[in-house]
Amino acid sequence: MNIQALIQRRFSGELNNEAEYIELLVQVFAVLILGLLLWRLMAAFHKKKKAKRKPSTYFDTTFTKSWRK
């Protein structure tokens, strides 16, 4: 089979590209799942880091402490 015949078969739809599409879908889902996993891990680490910080008293005033009472 020469190159021209192969190109004609590919663009006419005779060649089956299911394997390529399935591989692409697997890669898409893998990237999506890994991205979500990394996002959740980063959020958990940030939550721990934020909990360890000492709260700033710079903005604490008598008004902010008692404005809802």
PDB file of N, CA and C in Angstrom:
ATOM      1  N   MET A   1       0.856  -1.185   0.000  1.00  0.00           N
ATOM      2  CA  MET A   1       0.000   0.000   0.000  1.00  0.00           C
ATOM      3  C   MET A   1       0.895   1.239   0.000  1.00  0.00           C
ATOM      4  N   ASN A   2       0.628   2.141  -0.902  1.00  0.00           N
ATOM      5  CA  ASN A   2       1.431   3.359  -0.964  1.00  0.00           C
ATOM      6  C   ASN A   2       0.834   4.437  -0.060  1.00  0.00           C
ATOM      7  N   ILE A   3       1.553   5.506   0.078  1.00  0.00           N
ATOM      8  CA  ILE A   3       1.165   6.589   0.982  1.00  0.00           C
ATOM      9  C   ILE A   3      -0.148   7.244   0.538  1.00  0.00           C
ATOM     10  N   GLN A   4      -0.292   7.447  -0.752  1.00  0.00           N
ATOM     11  CA  GLN A   4      -1.498   8.120  -1.249  1.00  0.00           C
ATOM     12  C   GLN A   4      -2.756   7.301  -0.959  1.00  0.00           C
ATOM     13  N   ALA A   5      -2.670   5.993  -1.114  1.00  0.00           N
ATOM     14  CA  ALA A   5      -3.823   5.136  -0.829  1.00  0.00           C
ATOM     15  C   ALA A   5      -4.143   5.139   0.663  1.00  0.00           C
ATOM     16  N   LEU A   6      -3.102   5.155   1.490  1.00  0.00           N
ATOM     17  CA  LEU A   6      -3.310   5.195   2.945  1.00  0.00           C
ATOM     18  C   LEU A   6      -3.988   6.495   3.359  1.00  0.00           C
ATOM     19  N   ILE A   7      -3.556   7.597   2.762  1.00  0.00           N
ATOM     20  CA  ILE A   7      -4.161   8.901   3.078  1.00  0.00           C
ATOM     21  C   ILE A   7      -5.621   8.927   2.629  1.00  0.00           C
ATOM     22  N   GLN A   8      -5.900   8.382   1.456  1.00  0.00           N
ATOM     23  CA  GLN A   8      -7.283   8.356   0.974  1.00  0.00           C
ATOM     24  C   GLN A   8      -8.171   7.498   1.875  1.00  0.00           C
ATOM     25  N   ARG A   9      -7.662   6.361   2.338  1.00  0.00           N
ATOM     26  CA  ARG A   9      -8.447   5.501   3.223  1.00  0.00           C
ATOM     27  C   ARG A   9      -8.681   6.188   4.563  1.00  0.00           C
ATOM     28  N   ARG A  10      -7.678   6.904   5.046  1.00  0.00           N
ATOM     29  CA  ARG A  10      -7.832   7.567   6.345  1.00  0.00           C
ATOM     30  C   ARG A  10      -8.891   8.659   6.300  1.00  0.00           C
ATOM     31  N   PHE A  11      -8.868   9.486   5.276  1.00  0.00           N
ATOM     32  CA  PHE A  11      -9.812  10.596   5.195  1.00  0.00           C
ATOM     33  C   PHE A  11     -11.176  10.190   4.653  1.00  0.00           C
ATOM     34  N   SER A  12     -11.292   9.021   4.090  1.00  0.00           N
ATOM     35  CA  SER A  12     -12.600   8.557   3.636  1.00  0.00           C
ATOM     36  C   SER A  12     -13.366   7.874   4.767  1.00  0.00           C
ATOM     37  N   GLY A  13     -12.680   7.595   5.866  1.00  0.00           N
ATOM     38  CA  GLY A  13     -13.339   6.986   7.014  1.00  0.00           C
ATOM     39  C   GLY A  13     -13.208   5.483   7.067  1.00  0.00           C
ATOM     40  N   GLU A  14     -12.433   4.898   6.178  1.00  0.00           N
ATOM     41  CA  GLU A  14     -12.265   3.452   6.184  1.00  0.00           C
ATOM     42  C   GLU A  14     -11.402   2.988   7.349  1.00  0.00           C
ATOM     43  N   LEU A  15     -10.405   3.764   7.700  1.00  0.00           N
ATOM     44  CA  LEU A  15      -9.548   3.374   8.810  1.00  0.00           C
ATOM     45  C   LEU A  15     -10.262   3.653  10.132  1.00  0.00           C
ATOM     46  N   ASN A  16     -10.078   2.769  11.072  1.00  0.00           N
ATOM     47  CA  ASN A  16     -10.755   2.875  12.359  1.00  0.00           C
ATOM     48  C   ASN A  16      -9.830   3.568  13.352  1.00  0.00           C
ATOM     49  N   ASN A  17     -10.313   4.659  13.946  1.00  0.00           N
ATOM     50  CA  ASN A  17      -9.512   5.428  14.892  1.00  0.00           C
ATOM     51  C   ASN A  17     -10.000   5.255  16.326  1.00  0.00           C
ATOM     52  N   GLU A  18     -10.754   4.217  16.600  1.00  0.00           N
ATOM     53  CA  GLU A  18     -11.312   4.052  17.944  1.00  0.00           C
ATOM     54  C   GLU A  18     -10.235   3.937  19.006  1.00  0.00           C
ATOM     55  N   ALA A  19      -9.168   3.223  18.720  1.00  0.00           N
ATOM     56  CA  ALA A  19      -8.102   3.040  19.711  1.00  0.00           C
ATOM     57  C   ALA A  19      -7.473   4.378  20.079  1.00  0.00           C
ATOM     58  N   GLU A  20      -7.258   5.229  19.087  1.00  0.00           N
ATOM     59  CA  GLU A  20      -6.678   6.545  19.363  1.00  0.00           C
ATOM     60  C   GLU A  20      -7.627   7.397  20.205  1.00  0.00           C
ATOM     61  N   TYR A  21      -8.916   7.331  19.888  1.00  0.00           N
ATOM     62  CA  TYR A  21      -9.889   8.117  20.644  1.00  0.00           C
ATOM     63  C   TYR A  21     -10.022   7.601  22.072  1.00  0.00           C
ATOM     64  N   ILE A  22      -9.983   6.300  22.248  1.00  0.00           N
ATOM     65  CA  ILE A  22     -10.075   5.734  23.595  1.00  0.00           C
ATOM     66  C   ILE A  22      -8.849   6.116  24.410  1.00  0.00           C
ATOM     67  N   GLU A  23      -7.671   6.068  23.795  1.00  0.00           N
ATOM     68  CA  GLU A  23      -6.448   6.475  24.492  1.00  0.00           C
ATOM     69  C   GLU A  23      -6.511   7.947  24.891  1.00  0.00           C
ATOM     70  N   LEU A  24      -7.025   8.774  24.008  1.00  0.00           N
ATOM     71  CA  LEU A  24      -7.166  10.196  24.315  1.00  0.00           C
ATOM     72  C   LEU A  24      -8.152  10.427  25.450  1.00  0.00           C
ATOM     73  N   LEU A  25      -9.276   9.704  25.455  1.00  0.00           N
ATOM     74  CA  LEU A  25     -10.252   9.831  26.537  1.00  0.00           C
ATOM     75  C   LEU A  25      -9.669   9.377  27.872  1.00  0.00           C
ATOM     76  N   VAL A  26      -8.884   8.312  27.864  1.00  0.00           N
ATOM     77  CA  VAL A  26      -8.250   7.843  29.095  1.00  0.00           C
ATOM     78  C   VAL A  26      -7.291   8.909  29.627  1.00  0.00           C
ATOM     79  N   GLN A  27      -6.536   9.526  28.745  1.00  0.00           N
ATOM     80  CA  GLN A  27      -5.621  10.584  29.174  1.00  0.00           C
ATOM     81  C   GLN A  27      -6.377  11.785  29.724  1.00  0.00           C
ATOM     82  N   VAL A  28      -7.486  12.140  29.087  1.00  0.00           N
ATOM     83  CA  VAL A  28      -8.288  13.281  29.559  1.00  0.00           C
ATOM     84  C   VAL A  28      -8.817  13.016  30.961  1.00  0.00           C
ATOM     85  N   PHE A  29      -9.383  11.829  31.168  1.00  0.00           N
ATOM     86  CA  PHE A  29      -9.914  11.512  32.494  1.00  0.00           C
ATOM     87  C   PHE A  29      -8.810  11.400  33.532  1.00  0.00           C
ATOM     88  N   ALA A  30      -7.640  10.894  33.164  1.00  0.00           N
ATOM     89  CA  ALA A  30      -6.524  10.796  34.103  1.00  0.00           C
ATOM     90  C   ALA A  30      -6.075  12.186  34.539  1.00  0.00           C
ATOM     91  N   VAL A  31      -5.970  13.099  33.600  1.00  0.00           N
ATOM     92  CA  VAL A  31      -5.565  14.473  33.939  1.00  0.00           C
ATOM     93  C   VAL A  31      -6.621  15.133  34.812  1.00  0.00           C
ATOM     94  N   LEU A  32      -7.886  14.919  34.492  1.00  0.00           N
ATOM     95  CA  LEU A  32      -8.971  15.502  35.279  1.00  0.00           C
ATOM     96  C   LEU A  32      -8.957  14.976  36.712  1.00  0.00           C
ATOM     97  N   ILE A  33      -8.819  13.674  36.880  1.00  0.00           N
ATOM     98  CA  ILE A  33      -8.830  13.084  38.218  1.00  0.00           C
ATOM     99  C   ILE A  33      -7.599  13.508  39.006  1.00  0.00           C
ATOM    100  N   LEU A  34      -6.422  13.510  38.371  1.00  0.00           N
ATOM    101  CA  LEU A  34      -5.218  13.947  39.073  1.00  0.00           C
ATOM    102  C   LEU A  34      -5.297  15.427  39.450  1.00  0.00           C
ATOM    103  N   GLY A  35      -5.882  16.241  38.587  1.00  0.00           N
ATOM    104  CA  GLY A  35      -6.039  17.663  38.898  1.00  0.00           C
ATOM    105  C   GLY A  35      -6.947  17.881  40.089  1.00  0.00           C
ATOM    106  N   LEU A  36      -8.063  17.159  40.125  1.00  0.00           N
ATOM    107  CA  LEU A  36      -8.969  17.276  41.273  1.00  0.00           C
ATOM    108  C   LEU A  36      -8.317  16.782  42.553  1.00  0.00           C
ATOM    109  N   LEU A  37      -7.565  15.699  42.456  1.00  0.00           N
ATOM    110  CA  LEU A  37      -6.873  15.159  43.628  1.00  0.00           C
ATOM    111  C   LEU A  37      -5.832  16.149  44.161  1.00  0.00           C
ATOM    112  N   LEU A  38      -5.047  16.726  43.259  1.00  0.00           N
ATOM    113  CA  LEU A  38      -4.057  17.717  43.683  1.00  0.00           C
ATOM    114  C   LEU A  38      -4.724  18.950  44.283  1.00  0.00           C
ATOM    115  N   TRP A  39      -5.835  19.369  43.710  1.00  0.00           N
ATOM    116  CA  TRP A  39      -6.557  20.533  44.225  1.00  0.00           C
ATOM    117  C   TRP A  39      -7.027  20.281  45.654  1.00  0.00           C
ATOM    118  N   ARG A  40      -7.594  19.096  45.906  1.00  0.00           N
ATOM    119  CA  ARG A  40      -8.084  18.772  47.244  1.00  0.00           C
ATOM    120  C   ARG A  40      -6.923  18.645  48.238  1.00  0.00           C
ATOM    121  N   LEU A  41      -5.790  18.061  47.812  1.00  0.00           N
ATOM    122  CA  LEU A  41      -4.639  17.964  48.699  1.00  0.00           C
ATOM    123  C   LEU A  41      -4.099  19.347  49.054  1.00  0.00           C
ATOM    124  N   MET A  42      -4.013  20.224  48.069  1.00  0.00           N
ATOM    125  CA  MET A  42      -3.540  21.578  48.343  1.00  0.00           C
ATOM    126  C   MET A  42      -4.494  22.308  49.287  1.00  0.00           C
ATOM    127  N   ALA A  43      -5.783  22.108  49.112  1.00  0.00           N
ATOM    128  CA  ALA A  43      -6.763  22.750  49.993  1.00  0.00           C
ATOM    129  C   ALA A  43      -6.618  22.224  51.422  1.00  0.00           C
ATOM    130  N   ALA A  44      -6.378  20.925  51.582  1.00  0.00           N
ATOM    131  CA  ALA A  44      -6.228  20.354  52.920  1.00  0.00           C
ATOM    132  C   ALA A  44      -4.964  20.884  53.592  1.00  0.00           C
ATOM    133  N   PHE A  45      -3.857  20.953  52.853  1.00  0.00           N
ATOM    134  CA  PHE A  45      -2.621  21.466  53.436  1.00  0.00           C
ATOM    135  C   PHE A  45      -2.753  22.944  53.790  1.00  0.00           C
ATOM    136  N   HIS A  46      -3.446  23.702  52.954  1.00  0.00           N
ATOM    137  CA  HIS A  46      -3.645  25.118  53.250  1.00  0.00           C
ATOM    138  C   HIS A  46      -4.507  25.295  54.496  1.00  0.00           C
ATOM    139  N   LYS A  47      -5.489  24.426  54.658  1.00  0.00           N
ATOM    140  CA  LYS A  47      -6.356  24.509  55.839  1.00  0.00           C
ATOM    141  C   LYS A  47      -5.555  24.241  57.107  1.00  0.00           C
ATOM    142  N   LYS A  48      -4.662  23.251  57.057  1.00  0.00           N
ATOM    143  CA  LYS A  48      -3.808  22.975  58.216  1.00  0.00           C
ATOM    144  C   LYS A  48      -2.878  24.144  58.510  1.00  0.00           C
ATOM    145  N   LYS A  49      -2.296  24.696  57.457  1.00  0.00           N
ATOM    146  CA  LYS A  49      -1.377  25.814  57.611  1.00  0.00           C
ATOM    147  C   LYS A  49      -2.094  27.029  58.192  1.00  0.00           C
ATOM    148  N   LYS A  50      -3.310  27.282  57.729  1.00  0.00           N
ATOM    149  CA  LYS A  50      -4.083  28.418  58.207  1.00  0.00           C
ATOM    150  C   LYS A  50      -4.472  28.236  59.671  1.00  0.00           C
ATOM    151  N   ALA A  51      -4.732  26.992  60.078  1.00  0.00           N
ATOM    152  CA  ALA A  51      -5.122  26.729  61.461  1.00  0.00           C
ATOM    153  C   ALA A  51      -3.948  26.939  62.422  1.00  0.00           C
ATOM    154  N   LYS A  52      -2.734  26.758  61.940  1.00  0.00           N
ATOM    155  CA  LYS A  52      -1.551  26.907  62.799  1.00  0.00           C
ATOM    156  C   LYS A  52      -1.144  28.357  62.997  1.00  0.00           C
ATOM    157  N   ARG A  53      -1.586  29.238  62.116  1.00  0.00           N
ATOM    158  CA  ARG A  53      -1.190  30.647  62.214  1.00  0.00           C
ATOM    159  C   ARG A  53      -1.796  31.312  63.447  1.00  0.00           C
ATOM    160  N   LYS A  54      -1.030  32.211  63.992  1.00  0.00           N
ATOM    161  CA  LYS A  54      -1.537  33.006  65.108  1.00  0.00           C
ATOM    162  C   LYS A  54      -2.388  34.143  64.544  1.00  0.00           C
ATOM    163  N   PRO A  55      -3.603  34.305  65.030  1.00  0.00           N
ATOM    164  CA  PRO A  55      -4.442  35.393  64.494  1.00  0.00           C
ATOM    165  C   PRO A  55      -3.863  36.764  64.845  1.00  0.00           C
ATOM    166  N   SER A  56      -3.957  37.660  63.919  1.00  0.00           N
ATOM    167  CA  SER A  56      -3.435  39.006  64.099  1.00  0.00           C
ATOM    168  C   SER A  56      -4.400  39.820  64.960  1.00  0.00           C
ATOM    169  N   THR A  57      -3.833  40.617  65.842  1.00  0.00           N
ATOM    170  CA  THR A  57      -4.647  41.498  66.693  1.00  0.00           C
ATOM    171  C   THR A  57      -4.622  42.934  66.165  1.00  0.00           C
ATOM    172  N   TYR A  58      -4.094  43.137  64.982  1.00  0.00           N
ATOM    173  CA  TYR A  58      -3.956  44.479  64.430  1.00  0.00           C
ATOM    174  C   TYR A  58      -5.307  45.153  64.235  1.00  0.00           C
ATOM    175  N   PHE A  59      -6.299  44.412  63.761  1.00  0.00           N
ATOM    176  CA  PHE A  59      -7.600  45.006  63.484  1.00  0.00           C
ATOM    177  C   PHE A  59      -8.584  44.858  64.646  1.00  0.00           C
ATOM    178  N   ASP A  60      -8.164  44.299  65.737  1.00  0.00           N
ATOM    179  CA  ASP A  60      -9.055  44.150  66.886  1.00  0.00           C
ATOM    180  C   ASP A  60      -9.202  45.482  67.616  1.00  0.00           C
ATOM    181  N   THR A  61     -10.420  45.962  67.654  1.00  0.00           N
ATOM    182  CA  THR A  61     -10.713  47.187  68.392  1.00  0.00           C
ATOM    183  C   THR A  61     -11.926  46.913  69.269  1.00  0.00           C
ATOM    184  N   THR A  62     -12.242  47.828  70.127  1.00  0.00           N
ATOM    185  CA  THR A  62     -13.419  47.650  70.973  1.00  0.00           C
ATOM    186  C   THR A  62     -14.689  47.621  70.133  1.00  0.00           C
ATOM    187  N   PHE A  63     -14.692  48.352  69.032  1.00  0.00           N
ATOM    188  CA  PHE A  63     -15.872  48.351  68.170  1.00  0.00           C
ATOM    189  C   PHE A  63     -16.064  46.992  67.498  1.00  0.00           C
ATOM    190  N   THR A  64     -14.996  46.421  66.947  1.00  0.00           N
ATOM    191  CA  THR A  64     -15.130  45.137  66.253  1.00  0.00           C
ATOM    192  C   THR A  64     -15.463  44.006  67.210  1.00  0.00           C
ATOM    193  N   LYS A  65     -15.064  44.128  68.450  1.00  0.00           N
ATOM    194  CA  LYS A  65     -15.368  43.071  69.414  1.00  0.00           C
ATOM    195  C   LYS A  65     -16.816  43.120  69.893  1.00  0.00           C
ATOM    196  N   SER A  66     -17.403  44.304  69.913  1.00  0.00           N
ATOM    197  CA  SER A  66     -18.746  44.415  70.494  1.00  0.00           C
ATOM    198  C   SER A  66     -19.786  44.985  69.548  1.00  0.00           C
ATOM    199  N   TRP A  67     -19.586  44.990  68.295  1.00  0.00           N
ATOM    200  CA  TRP A  67     -20.544  45.634  67.392  1.00  0.00           C
ATOM    201  C   TRP A  67     -21.809  44.815  67.192  1.00  0.00           C
ATOM    202  N   ARG A  68     -21.780  43.519  67.501  1.00  0.00           N
ATOM    203  CA  ARG A  68     -22.984  42.700  67.331  1.00  0.00           C
ATOM    204  C   ARG A  68     -23.755  42.529  68.641  1.00  0.00           C
ATOM    205  N   LYS A  69     -23.250  43.000  69.724  1.00  0.00           N
ATOM    206  CA  LYS A  69     -23.914  42.788  71.012  1.00  0.00           C
ATOM    207  C   LYS A  69     -25.082  43.702  71.203  1.00  0.00           C
TER     208      LYS A  69
END
